C-alpha cells in the first residue's frame, strides 16, 4: 500500500496559481452573482451568472473594456447601437466608454466569463443610465 501511495504522489501534478486567499467568494447582486477568478495588473477575469429574466444596468465604464464568452444559456447583449443574441461558445467585445447591457432572456441561468482590461478595474467605474433595481446614476 505504501508503494501505491508513493506512485500516486509522484504522478500527481501540483496545482499552481492558487493564492493564500483561496477561492474567491461570489458577490450577490439583484440580477445574479459574480466571482472574481483571477486579477492582475491591467486585467480581471470573472464568472458571471445572470438569473433567468434578469438584466444588468444599462451602463458604461471609463477605464475598462470587456470581453464576454457565453458558457451556458442565452445572452441578450446591447452594445452601443447594436443588439445581439449569444449562446454557448459565442463571444462579444465591449469597448471602453461604450454604453452596454447584459440580459438573460432564457429560462436557465446565463453563465459567462468576463475578461476586463484597463488601467482601473474597480466596481465603482460603472456609470448607470438605467437600472431595474433603482441603482441608476442618471
Protein backbone atom coordinates (compact mmCIF):
# COMPACT_ATOMS: atom_id res chain seq x y z
CA UNK A 1 0.00 0.00 0.00
CA UNK A 2 2.89 2.37 0.78
CA UNK A 3 4.30 1.82 -2.73
CA UNK A 4 0.91 2.67 -4.31
CA UNK A 5 0.72 5.89 -2.25
CA UNK A 6 4.23 6.89 -3.35
CA UNK A 7 3.40 6.17 -7.01
CA UNK A 8 0.22 8.25 -6.83
CA UNK A 9 2.11 11.10 -5.16
CA UNK A 10 4.81 11.04 -7.87
CA UNK A 11 2.21 11.08 -10.67
CA UNK A 12 0.11 13.89 -9.21
CA UNK A 13 0.53 17.35 -10.68
CA UNK A 14 0.79 20.25 -8.29
CA UNK A 15 -1.85 22.93 -8.79
CA UNK A 16 -0.14 26.28 -9.17
CA UNK A 17 -1.52 29.77 -9.09
CA UNK A 18 -3.70 29.33 -6.01
CA UNK A 19 -3.29 32.35 -3.79
CA UNK A 20 -3.19 32.22 0.01
CA UNK A 21 -6.67 33.76 -0.10
CA UNK A 22 -8.00 30.54 -1.63
CA UNK A 23 -11.03 30.51 -3.88
CA UNK A 24 -12.70 33.91 -4.31
CA UNK A 25 -16.16 34.31 -2.82
CA UNK A 26 -19.10 35.17 -5.02
CA UNK A 27 -20.76 38.55 -4.71
CA UNK A 28 -24.52 38.50 -4.94
CA UNK A 29 -26.41 41.09 -6.97
CA UNK A 30 -30.16 41.55 -7.58
CA UNK A 31 -29.71 40.01 -11.06
CA UNK A 32 -27.49 37.05 -10.01
CA UNK A 33 -23.85 36.86 -8.93
CA UNK A 34 -20.22 37.15 -9.97
CA UNK A 35 -16.97 35.62 -8.82
CA UNK A 36 -13.52 37.09 -9.49
CA UNK A 37 -11.46 34.15 -10.75
CA UNK A 38 -8.19 35.99 -11.26
CA UNK A 39 -6.87 39.54 -11.18
CA UNK A 40 -3.56 41.06 -12.21
CA UNK A 41 -2.11 44.33 -13.46
CA UNK A 42 -4.47 45.60 -16.16
CA UNK A 43 -6.88 42.64 -16.19
CA UNK A 44 -9.59 40.87 -14.19
CA UNK A 45 -11.41 37.62 -15.01
CA UNK A 46 -14.92 37.00 -13.65
CA UNK A 47 -17.50 34.25 -13.81
CA UNK A 48 -20.90 35.94 -14.09
CA UNK A 49 -24.26 34.25 -13.57
CA UNK A 50 -27.45 36.08 -14.57
CA UNK A 51 -30.77 34.66 -13.37
CA UNK A 52 -33.48 33.93 -15.98
CA UNK A 53 -35.46 37.04 -16.89
CA UNK A 54 -32.97 39.43 -15.27
CA UNK A 55 -30.57 42.00 -16.69
CA UNK A 56 -27.72 44.21 -15.57
CA UNK A 57 -27.78 48.01 -15.72
CA UNK A 58 -27.54 49.89 -18.98
CA UNK A 59 -24.03 51.11 -18.17
CA UNK A 60 -20.66 52.40 -19.30
CA UNK A 61 -17.07 52.22 -17.99
CA UNK A 62 -14.49 54.98 -18.44
CA UNK A 63 -11.44 52.86 -17.66
CA UNK A 64 -12.02 49.34 -18.99
CA UNK A 65 -13.15 47.23 -21.91
CA UNK A 66 -14.80 43.82 -21.52
CA UNK A 67 -14.84 40.53 -23.42
CA UNK A 68 -17.79 38.21 -22.73
CA UNK A 69 -17.76 34.48 -23.52
CA UNK A 70 -21.02 32.55 -23.01
CA UNK A 71 -20.55 29.24 -21.17
CA UNK A 72 -24.24 28.28 -20.92
CA UNK A 73 -27.61 29.87 -21.50
CA UNK A 74 -28.52 32.74 -23.81
CA UNK A 75 -27.23 36.30 -23.56
CA UNK A 76 -29.01 39.31 -24.99
CA UNK A 77 -26.35 41.99 -25.39
CA UNK A 78 -26.80 45.68 -26.08
CA UNK A 79 -23.51 47.31 -27.11
CA UNK A 80 -23.73 50.85 -28.41
CA UNK A 81 -26.50 50.82 -31.06
CA UNK A 82 -26.33 47.05 -31.64
CA UNK A 83 -28.37 44.28 -30.02
CA UNK A 84 -27.30 40.64 -30.43
CA UNK A 85 -28.14 37.21 -29.02
CA UNK A 86 -25.28 34.90 -28.00
CA UNK A 87 -25.31 31.24 -26.97
CA UNK A 88 -22.75 28.64 -25.85
CA UNK A 89 -19.19 29.31 -27.00
CA UNK A 90 -20.05 32.66 -28.62
CA UNK A 91 -18.46 35.90 -27.52
CA UNK A 92 -18.52 39.66 -27.90
CA UNK A 93 -16.34 42.66 -27.11
CA UNK A 94 -17.48 45.81 -25.27
CA UNK A 95 -15.09 48.73 -25.94
CA UNK A 96 -14.21 51.22 -23.23
CA UNK A 97 -16.67 54.16 -22.97
CA UNK A 98 -19.44 52.23 -24.78
CA UNK A 99 -22.95 52.01 -23.32
CA UNK A 100 -23.87 48.35 -22.86
CA UNK A 101 -26.20 45.90 -21.13
CA UNK A 102 -26.29 42.15 -20.50
CA UNK A 103 -29.60 40.28 -20.16
CA UNK A 104 -30.76 36.69 -19.72
CA UNK A 105 -33.92 36.27 -21.82
CA UNK A 106 -33.87 32.48 -21.30
CA UNK A 107 -35.27 30.04 -18.75
CA UNK A 108 -31.94 28.69 -17.45
CA UNK A 109 -29.16 30.67 -15.74
CA UNK A 110 -26.82 32.53 -18.08
CA UNK A 111 -23.18 31.78 -17.24
CA UNK A 112 -20.38 33.70 -18.88
CA UNK A 113 -16.74 34.52 -18.43
CA UNK A 114 -15.85 38.21 -18.49
CA UNK A 115 -12.33 39.41 -19.15
CA UNK A 116 -11.81 43.06 -18.22
CA UNK A 117 -8.84 45.06 -19.50
CA UNK A 118 -7.88 48.56 -18.45
CA UNK A 119 -5.95 50.89 -16.19
CA UNK A 120 -8.58 50.79 -13.43
CA UNK A 121 -10.92 47.82 -12.81
CA UNK A 122 -12.80 48.84 -9.65
CA UNK A 123 -16.52 48.19 -9.28
CA UNK A 124 -17.04 51.96 -8.87
CA UNK A 125 -16.16 52.54 -12.56
CA UNK A 126 -19.80 51.99 -13.53
CA UNK A 127 -21.96 54.81 -14.87
CA UNK A 128 -25.55 53.53 -14.78
CA UNK A 129 -28.04 55.05 -17.22
CA UNK A 130 -30.96 52.72 -16.46
CA UNK A 131 -31.37 50.02 -13.84
CA UNK A 132 -34.21 47.66 -12.94
CA UNK A 133 -33.13 47.75 -9.28
CA UNK A 134 -33.16 51.54 -8.66
CA UNK A 135 -29.35 51.89 -8.80
CA UNK A 136 -29.34 54.36 -11.71
CA UNK A 137 -26.89 57.30 -11.63
CA UNK A 138 -28.75 59.40 -14.20
